[in-house]
């Protein structure tokens, strides 16, 4: 059952991401934060302000690699 939920969540994120051009973030954020996005922010449009709010709310629980990618993105001029 858990595998099914993970597969559906991944599909829900992958399909919209494939259907639209990524407008925010970068490749490192996609690589290192995809799992965290599924875990903490499933069902939220990755290009929306709601995704930023979700990540900010859950930052202390994010994986170390994701936090590093976010810090690098911010220090490089990203928001």
PDB file of N, CA and C in Angstrom:
ATOM      1  N   UNK A   1       0.821  -1.193   0.000  1.00  0.00           N
ATOM      2  CA  UNK A   1       0.000   0.000   0.000  1.00  0.00           C
ATOM      3  C   UNK A   1       0.864   1.255   0.000  1.00  0.00           C
ATOM      4  N   UNK A   2       1.928   1.259   0.812  1.00  0.00           N
ATOM      5  CA  UNK A   2       2.808   2.422   0.889  1.00  0.00           C
ATOM      6  C   UNK A   2       3.472   2.676  -0.460  1.00  0.00           C
ATOM      7  N   UNK A   3       3.863   1.606  -1.149  1.00  0.00           N
ATOM      8  CA  UNK A   3       4.472   1.753  -2.470  1.00  0.00           C
ATOM      9  C   UNK A   3       3.488   2.375  -3.457  1.00  0.00           C
ATOM     10  N   UNK A   4       2.235   2.002  -3.356  1.00  0.00           N
ATOM     11  CA  UNK A   4       1.217   2.561  -4.239  1.00  0.00           C
ATOM     12  C   UNK A   4       1.045   4.054  -3.983  1.00  0.00           C
ATOM     13  N   UNK A   5       1.015   4.438  -2.727  1.00  0.00           N
ATOM     14  CA  UNK A   5       0.869   5.855  -2.391  1.00  0.00           C
ATOM     15  C   UNK A   5       2.059   6.639  -2.921  1.00  0.00           C
ATOM     16  N   UNK A   6       3.266   6.110  -2.748  1.00  0.00           N
ATOM     17  CA  UNK A   6       4.464   6.779  -3.246  1.00  0.00           C
ATOM     18  C   UNK A   6       4.423   6.894  -4.764  1.00  0.00           C
ATOM     19  N   UNK A   7       4.009   5.834  -5.451  1.00  0.00           N
ATOM     20  CA  UNK A   7       3.944   5.854  -6.910  1.00  0.00           C
ATOM     21  C   UNK A   7       2.924   6.877  -7.396  1.00  0.00           C
ATOM     22  N   UNK A   8       1.780   6.944  -6.745  1.00  0.00           N
ATOM     23  CA  UNK A   8       0.749   7.909  -7.132  1.00  0.00           C
ATOM     24  C   UNK A   8       1.237   9.325  -6.867  1.00  0.00           C
ATOM     25  N   UNK A   9       1.886   9.551  -5.735  1.00  0.00           N
ATOM     26  CA  UNK A   9       2.414  10.877  -5.414  1.00  0.00           C
ATOM     27  C   UNK A   9       3.464  11.295  -6.420  1.00  0.00           C
ATOM     28  N   UNK A  10       4.359  10.388  -6.759  1.00  0.00           N
ATOM     29  CA  UNK A  10       5.402  10.685  -7.730  1.00  0.00           C
ATOM     30  C   UNK A  10       4.779  10.995  -9.082  1.00  0.00           C
ATOM     31  N   UNK A  11       3.785  10.228  -9.471  1.00  0.00           N
ATOM     32  CA  UNK A  11       3.088  10.471 -10.732  1.00  0.00           C
ATOM     33  C   UNK A  11       2.393  11.812 -10.739  1.00  0.00           C
ATOM     34  N   UNK A  12       1.810  12.174  -9.617  1.00  0.00           N
ATOM     35  CA  UNK A  12       1.100  13.448  -9.525  1.00  0.00           C
ATOM     36  C   UNK A  12       2.054  14.622  -9.675  1.00  0.00           C
ATOM     37  N   UNK A  13       3.276  14.452  -9.221  1.00  0.00           N
ATOM     38  CA  UNK A  13       4.263  15.524  -9.357  1.00  0.00           C
ATOM     39  C   UNK A  13       4.922  15.468 -10.727  1.00  0.00           C
ATOM     40  N   UNK A  14       5.232  14.278 -11.208  1.00  0.00           N
ATOM     41  CA  UNK A  14       5.950  14.136 -12.470  1.00  0.00           C
ATOM     42  C   UNK A  14       5.114  14.570 -13.666  1.00  0.00           C
ATOM     43  N   UNK A  15       3.844  14.250 -13.679  1.00  0.00           N
ATOM     44  CA  UNK A  15       3.004  14.585 -14.827  1.00  0.00           C
ATOM     45  C   UNK A  15       2.882  16.095 -15.002  1.00  0.00           C
ATOM     46  N   UNK A  16       2.514  16.849 -13.967  1.00  0.00           N
ATOM     47  CA  UNK A  16       2.451  18.300 -14.162  1.00  0.00           C
ATOM     48  C   UNK A  16       3.810  18.894 -14.505  1.00  0.00           C
ATOM     49  N   UNK A  17       4.867  18.367 -13.915  1.00  0.00           N
ATOM     50  CA  UNK A  17       6.202  18.890 -14.200  1.00  0.00           C
ATOM     51  C   UNK A  17       6.572  18.639 -15.651  1.00  0.00           C
ATOM     52  N   UNK A  18       6.193  17.501 -16.189  1.00  0.00           N
ATOM     53  CA  UNK A  18       6.498  17.199 -17.580  1.00  0.00           C
ATOM     54  C   UNK A  18       5.624  18.018 -18.520  1.00  0.00           C
ATOM     55  N   UNK A  19       4.427  18.331 -18.091  1.00  0.00           N
ATOM     56  CA  UNK A  19       3.484  19.050 -18.938  1.00  0.00           C
ATOM     57  C   UNK A  19       3.773  20.545 -19.005  1.00  0.00           C
ATOM     58  N   UNK A  20       4.520  21.053 -18.056  1.00  0.00           N
ATOM     59  CA  UNK A  20       4.806  22.473 -18.050  1.00  0.00           C
ATOM     60  C   UNK A  20       6.302  22.701 -17.883  1.00  0.00           C
ATOM     61  N   UNK A  21       6.772  23.806 -18.382  1.00  0.00           N
ATOM     62  CA  UNK A  21       8.171  24.153 -18.251  1.00  0.00           C
ATOM     63  C   UNK A  21       8.422  24.636 -16.832  1.00  0.00           C
ATOM     64  N   UNK A  22       9.507  24.158 -16.247  1.00  0.00           N
ATOM     65  CA  UNK A  22       9.855  24.615 -14.911  1.00  0.00           C
ATOM     66  C   UNK A  22      10.176  26.097 -14.973  1.00  0.00           C
ATOM     67  N   UNK A  23       9.480  26.869 -14.193  1.00  0.00           N
ATOM     68  CA  UNK A  23       9.649  28.311 -14.212  1.00  0.00           C
ATOM     69  C   UNK A  23      10.514  28.791 -13.053  1.00  0.00           C
ATOM     70  N   UNK A  24      10.694  27.949 -12.070  1.00  0.00           N
ATOM     71  CA  UNK A  24      11.419  28.355 -10.871  1.00  0.00           C
ATOM     72  C   UNK A  24      12.406  27.269 -10.490  1.00  0.00           C
ATOM     73  N   UNK A  25      13.396  27.643  -9.727  1.00  0.00           N
ATOM     74  CA  UNK A  25      14.352  26.663  -9.250  1.00  0.00           C
ATOM     75  C   UNK A  25      15.415  26.350 -10.285  1.00  0.00           C
ATOM     76  N   UNK A  26      16.140  25.264 -10.037  1.00  0.00           N
ATOM     77  CA  UNK A  26      17.182  24.825 -10.948  1.00  0.00           C
ATOM     78  C   UNK A  26      17.317  23.304 -10.866  1.00  0.00           C
ATOM     79  N   UNK A  27      18.247  22.762 -11.625  1.00  0.00           N
ATOM     80  CA  UNK A  27      18.415  21.304 -11.690  1.00  0.00           C
ATOM     81  C   UNK A  27      18.800  20.716 -10.334  1.00  0.00           C
ATOM     82  N   UNK A  28      19.642  21.409  -9.565  1.00  0.00           N
ATOM     83  CA  UNK A  28      20.031  20.896  -8.245  1.00  0.00           C
ATOM     84  C   UNK A  28      18.830  20.798  -7.311  1.00  0.00           C
ATOM     85  N   UNK A  29      17.963  21.782  -7.340  1.00  0.00           N
ATOM     86  CA  UNK A  29      16.761  21.724  -6.508  1.00  0.00           C
ATOM     87  C   UNK A  29      15.887  20.551  -6.925  1.00  0.00           C
ATOM     88  N   UNK A  30      15.746  20.341  -8.228  1.00  0.00           N
ATOM     89  CA  UNK A  30      14.955  19.212  -8.698  1.00  0.00           C
ATOM     90  C   UNK A  30      15.581  17.893  -8.253  1.00  0.00           C
ATOM     91  N   UNK A  31      16.890  17.786  -8.385  1.00  0.00           N
ATOM     92  CA  UNK A  31      17.578  16.544  -8.042  1.00  0.00           C
ATOM     93  C   UNK A  31      17.521  16.251  -6.552  1.00  0.00           C
ATOM     94  N   UNK A  32      17.885  17.222  -5.746  1.00  0.00           N
ATOM     95  CA  UNK A  32      18.058  16.981  -4.316  1.00  0.00           C
ATOM     96  C   UNK A  32      16.800  17.190  -3.482  1.00  0.00           C
ATOM     97  N   UNK A  33      15.787  17.830  -4.044  1.00  0.00           N
ATOM     98  CA  UNK A  33      14.591  18.131  -3.253  1.00  0.00           C
ATOM     99  C   UNK A  33      13.343  17.390  -3.725  1.00  0.00           C
ATOM    100  N   UNK A  34      13.443  16.582  -4.764  1.00  0.00           N
ATOM    101  CA  UNK A  34      12.265  15.883  -5.281  1.00  0.00           C
ATOM    102  C   UNK A  34      11.630  14.991  -4.219  1.00  0.00           C
ATOM    103  N   UNK A  35      12.442  14.237  -3.503  1.00  0.00           N
ATOM    104  CA  UNK A  35      11.912  13.355  -2.463  1.00  0.00           C
ATOM    105  C   UNK A  35      11.250  14.128  -1.338  1.00  0.00           C
ATOM    106  N   UNK A  36      11.866  15.247  -0.957  1.00  0.00           N
ATOM    107  CA  UNK A  36      11.281  16.088   0.085  1.00  0.00           C
ATOM    108  C   UNK A  36       9.966  16.703  -0.389  1.00  0.00           C
ATOM    109  N   UNK A  37       9.905  17.081  -1.662  1.00  0.00           N
ATOM    110  CA  UNK A  37       8.670  17.647  -2.202  1.00  0.00           C
ATOM    111  C   UNK A  37       7.543  16.624  -2.139  1.00  0.00           C
ATOM    112  N   UNK A  38       7.862  15.373  -2.450  1.00  0.00           N
ATOM    113  CA  UNK A  38       6.854  14.320  -2.381  1.00  0.00           C
ATOM    114  C   UNK A  38       6.427  14.072  -0.934  1.00  0.00           C
ATOM    115  N   UNK A  39       7.402  14.022  -0.047  1.00  0.00           N
ATOM    116  CA  UNK A  39       7.125  13.725   1.357  1.00  0.00           C
ATOM    117  C   UNK A  39       6.323  14.825   2.042  1.00  0.00           C
ATOM    118  N   UNK A  40       6.722  16.061   1.837  1.00  0.00           N
ATOM    119  CA  UNK A  40       6.136  17.161   2.609  1.00  0.00           C
ATOM    120  C   UNK A  40       5.132  18.019   1.837  1.00  0.00           C
ATOM    121  N   UNK A  41       5.215  18.002   0.505  1.00  0.00           N
ATOM    122  CA  UNK A  41       4.434  18.965  -0.269  1.00  0.00           C
ATOM    123  C   UNK A  41       3.712  18.331  -1.462  1.00  0.00           C
ATOM    124  N   UNK A  42       3.363  17.068  -1.363  1.00  0.00           N
ATOM    125  CA  UNK A  42       2.706  16.370  -2.471  1.00  0.00           C
ATOM    126  C   UNK A  42       1.434  17.099  -2.890  1.00  0.00           C
ATOM    127  N   UNK A  43       1.236  17.186  -4.196  1.00  0.00           N
ATOM    128  CA  UNK A  43       0.030  17.794  -4.724  1.00  0.00           C
ATOM    129  C   UNK A  43       0.102  19.291  -4.920  1.00  0.00           C
ATOM    130  N   UNK A  44       1.224  19.894  -4.576  1.00  0.00           N
ATOM    131  CA  UNK A  44       1.377  21.340  -4.739  1.00  0.00           C
ATOM    132  C   UNK A  44       2.152  21.608  -6.025  1.00  0.00           C
ATOM    133  N   UNK A  45       1.700  22.563  -6.812  1.00  0.00           N
ATOM    134  CA  UNK A  45       2.373  22.951  -8.050  1.00  0.00           C
ATOM    135  C   UNK A  45       3.789  23.422  -7.715  1.00  0.00           C
ATOM    136  N   UNK A  46       4.824  22.793  -8.313  1.00  0.00           N
ATOM    137  CA  UNK A  46       6.200  23.163  -7.989  1.00  0.00           C
ATOM    138  C   UNK A  46       6.557  24.589  -8.379  1.00  0.00           C
ATOM    139  N   UNK A  47       5.784  25.217  -9.239  1.00  0.00           N
ATOM    140  CA  UNK A  47       6.061  26.587  -9.658  1.00  0.00           C
ATOM    141  C   UNK A  47       5.264  27.622  -8.866  1.00  0.00           C
ATOM    142  N   UNK A  48       4.597  27.183  -7.819  1.00  0.00           N
ATOM    143  CA  UNK A  48       3.711  28.088  -7.088  1.00  0.00           C
ATOM    144  C   UNK A  48       4.347  28.628  -5.812  1.00  0.00           C
ATOM    145  N   UNK A  49       3.848  29.749  -5.351  1.00  0.00           N
ATOM    146  CA  UNK A  49       4.275  30.275  -4.057  1.00  0.00           C
ATOM    147  C   UNK A  49       3.928  29.316  -2.910  1.00  0.00           C
ATOM    148  N   UNK A  50       2.906  28.486  -3.104  1.00  0.00           N
ATOM    149  CA  UNK A  50       2.529  27.516  -2.071  1.00  0.00           C
ATOM    150  C   UNK A  50       3.653  26.496  -1.848  1.00  0.00           C
ATOM    151  N   UNK A  51       4.395  26.149  -2.918  1.00  0.00           N
ATOM    152  CA  UNK A  51       5.524  25.232  -2.759  1.00  0.00           C
ATOM    153  C   UNK A  51       6.606  25.889  -1.914  1.00  0.00           C
ATOM    154  N   UNK A  52       6.889  27.160  -2.154  1.00  0.00           N
ATOM    155  CA  UNK A  52       7.869  27.880  -1.338  1.00  0.00           C
ATOM    156  C   UNK A  52       7.440  27.878   0.127  1.00  0.00           C
ATOM    157  N   UNK A  53       6.163  28.153   0.361  1.00  0.00           N
ATOM    158  CA  UNK A  53       5.646  28.184   1.731  1.00  0.00           C
ATOM    159  C   UNK A  53       5.753  26.810   2.387  1.00  0.00           C
ATOM    160  N   UNK A  54       5.466  25.764   1.635  1.00  0.00           N
ATOM    161  CA  UNK A  54       5.550  24.407   2.170  1.00  0.00           C
ATOM    162  C   UNK A  54       6.996  24.070   2.542  1.00  0.00           C
ATOM    163  N   UNK A  55       7.933  24.409   1.651  1.00  0.00           N
ATOM    164  CA  UNK A  55       9.341  24.137   1.944  1.00  0.00           C
ATOM    165  C   UNK A  55       9.803  24.943   3.156  1.00  0.00           C
ATOM    166  N   UNK A  56       9.402  26.196   3.232  1.00  0.00           N
ATOM    167  CA  UNK A  56       9.795  27.038   4.367  1.00  0.00           C
ATOM    168  C   UNK A  56       9.248  26.456   5.674  1.00  0.00           C
ATOM    169  N   UNK A  57       8.006  26.028   5.649  1.00  0.00           N
ATOM    170  CA  UNK A  57       7.369  25.451   6.836  1.00  0.00           C
ATOM    171  C   UNK A  57       8.077  24.175   7.294  1.00  0.00           C
ATOM    172  N   UNK A  58       8.551  23.384   6.335  1.00  0.00           N
ATOM    173  CA  UNK A  58       9.146  22.079   6.650  1.00  0.00           C
ATOM    174  C   UNK A  58      10.666  22.061   6.564  1.00  0.00           C
ATOM    175  N   UNK A  59      11.293  23.219   6.458  1.00  0.00           N
ATOM    176  CA  UNK A  59      12.742  23.294   6.242  1.00  0.00           C
ATOM    177  C   UNK A  59      13.539  22.474   7.253  1.00  0.00           C
ATOM    178  N   UNK A  60      13.162  22.496   8.498  1.00  0.00           N
ATOM    179  CA  UNK A  60      13.931  21.772   9.523  1.00  0.00           C
ATOM    180  C   UNK A  60      13.878  20.264   9.335  1.00  0.00           C
ATOM    181  N   UNK A  61      12.894  19.788   8.572  1.00  0.00           N
ATOM    182  CA  UNK A  61      12.752  18.355   8.335  1.00  0.00           C
ATOM    183  C   UNK A  61      13.300  17.920   6.973  1.00  0.00           C
ATOM    184  N   UNK A  62      13.667  18.877   6.134  1.00  0.00           N
ATOM    185  CA  UNK A  62      14.174  18.556   4.802  1.00  0.00           C
ATOM    186  C   UNK A  62      15.513  17.835   4.905  1.00  0.00           C
ATOM    187  N   UNK A  63      15.831  17.077   3.874  1.00  0.00           N
ATOM    188  CA  UNK A  63      17.106  16.356   3.852  1.00  0.00           C
ATOM    189  C   UNK A  63      18.260  17.358   3.784  1.00  0.00           C
ATOM    190  N   UNK A  64      19.410  16.972   4.316  1.00  0.00           N
ATOM    191  CA  UNK A  64      20.565  17.874   4.266  1.00  0.00           C
ATOM    192  C   UNK A  64      20.929  18.295   2.840  1.00  0.00           C
ATOM    193  N   UNK A  65      20.861  17.372   1.881  1.00  0.00           N
ATOM    194  CA  UNK A  65      21.195  17.729   0.502  1.00  0.00           C
ATOM    195  C   UNK A  65      20.217  18.748  -0.066  1.00  0.00           C
ATOM    196  N   UNK A  66      18.957  18.616   0.255  1.00  0.00           N
ATOM    197  CA  UNK A  66      17.964  19.577  -0.205  1.00  0.00           C
ATOM    198  C   UNK A  66      18.214  20.946   0.428  1.00  0.00           C
ATOM    199  N   UNK A  67      18.489  20.974   1.716  1.00  0.00           N
ATOM    200  CA  UNK A  67      18.772  22.257   2.387  1.00  0.00           C
ATOM    201  C   UNK A  67      19.994  22.930   1.772  1.00  0.00           C
ATOM    202  N   UNK A  68      21.030  22.144   1.456  1.00  0.00           N
ATOM    203  CA  UNK A  68      22.221  22.717   0.819  1.00  0.00           C
ATOM    204  C   UNK A  68      21.882  23.273  -0.565  1.00  0.00           C
ATOM    205  N   UNK A  69      21.063  22.554  -1.328  1.00  0.00           N
ATOM    206  CA  UNK A  69      20.674  23.024  -2.658  1.00  0.00           C
ATOM    207  C   UNK A  69      19.873  24.322  -2.558  1.00  0.00           C
ATOM    208  N   UNK A  70      19.003  24.412  -1.575  1.00  0.00           N
ATOM    209  CA  UNK A  70      18.221  25.633  -1.369  1.00  0.00           C
ATOM    210  C   UNK A  70      19.142  26.790  -0.992  1.00  0.00           C
ATOM    211  N   UNK A  71      20.063  26.546  -0.065  1.00  0.00           N
ATOM    212  CA  UNK A  71      21.004  27.597   0.338  1.00  0.00           C
ATOM    213  C   UNK A  71      21.836  28.073  -0.840  1.00  0.00           C
ATOM    214  N   UNK A  72      22.326  27.145  -1.680  1.00  0.00           N
ATOM    215  CA  UNK A  72      23.132  27.501  -2.842  1.00  0.00           C
ATOM    216  C   UNK A  72      22.308  28.304  -3.843  1.00  0.00           C
ATOM    217  N   UNK A  73      21.060  27.900  -4.028  1.00  0.00           N
ATOM    218  CA  UNK A  73      20.172  28.610  -4.940  1.00  0.00           C
ATOM    219  C   UNK A  73      19.935  30.038  -4.454  1.00  0.00           C
ATOM    220  N   UNK A  74      19.665  30.189  -3.177  1.00  0.00           N
ATOM    221  CA  UNK A  74      19.435  31.523  -2.617  1.00  0.00           C
ATOM    222  C   UNK A  74      20.689  32.380  -2.708  1.00  0.00           C
ATOM    223  N   UNK A  75      21.846  31.819  -2.405  1.00  0.00           N
ATOM    224  CA  UNK A  75      23.079  32.608  -2.434  1.00  0.00           C
ATOM    225  C   UNK A  75      23.482  32.973  -3.869  1.00  0.00           C
ATOM    226  N   UNK A  76      22.963  32.241  -4.843  1.00  0.00           N
ATOM    227  CA  UNK A  76      23.235  32.538  -6.240  1.00  0.00           C
ATOM    228  C   UNK A  76      22.238  33.516  -6.840  1.00  0.00           C
ATOM    229  N   UNK A  77      21.381  34.080  -6.045  1.00  0.00           N
ATOM    230  CA  UNK A  77      20.440  35.080  -6.536  1.00  0.00           C
ATOM    231  C   UNK A  77      19.009  34.588  -6.664  1.00  0.00           C
ATOM    232  N   UNK A  78      18.784  33.271  -6.446  1.00  0.00           N
ATOM    233  CA  UNK A  78      17.417  32.741  -6.477  1.00  0.00           C
ATOM    234  C   UNK A  78      16.661  33.203  -5.257  1.00  0.00           C
ATOM    235  N   UNK A  79      15.372  33.060  -5.304  1.00  0.00           N
ATOM    236  CA  UNK A  79      14.571  33.501  -4.166  1.00  0.00           C
ATOM    237  C   UNK A  79      14.094  32.335  -3.406  1.00  0.00           C
TER     238      UNK A  79
END
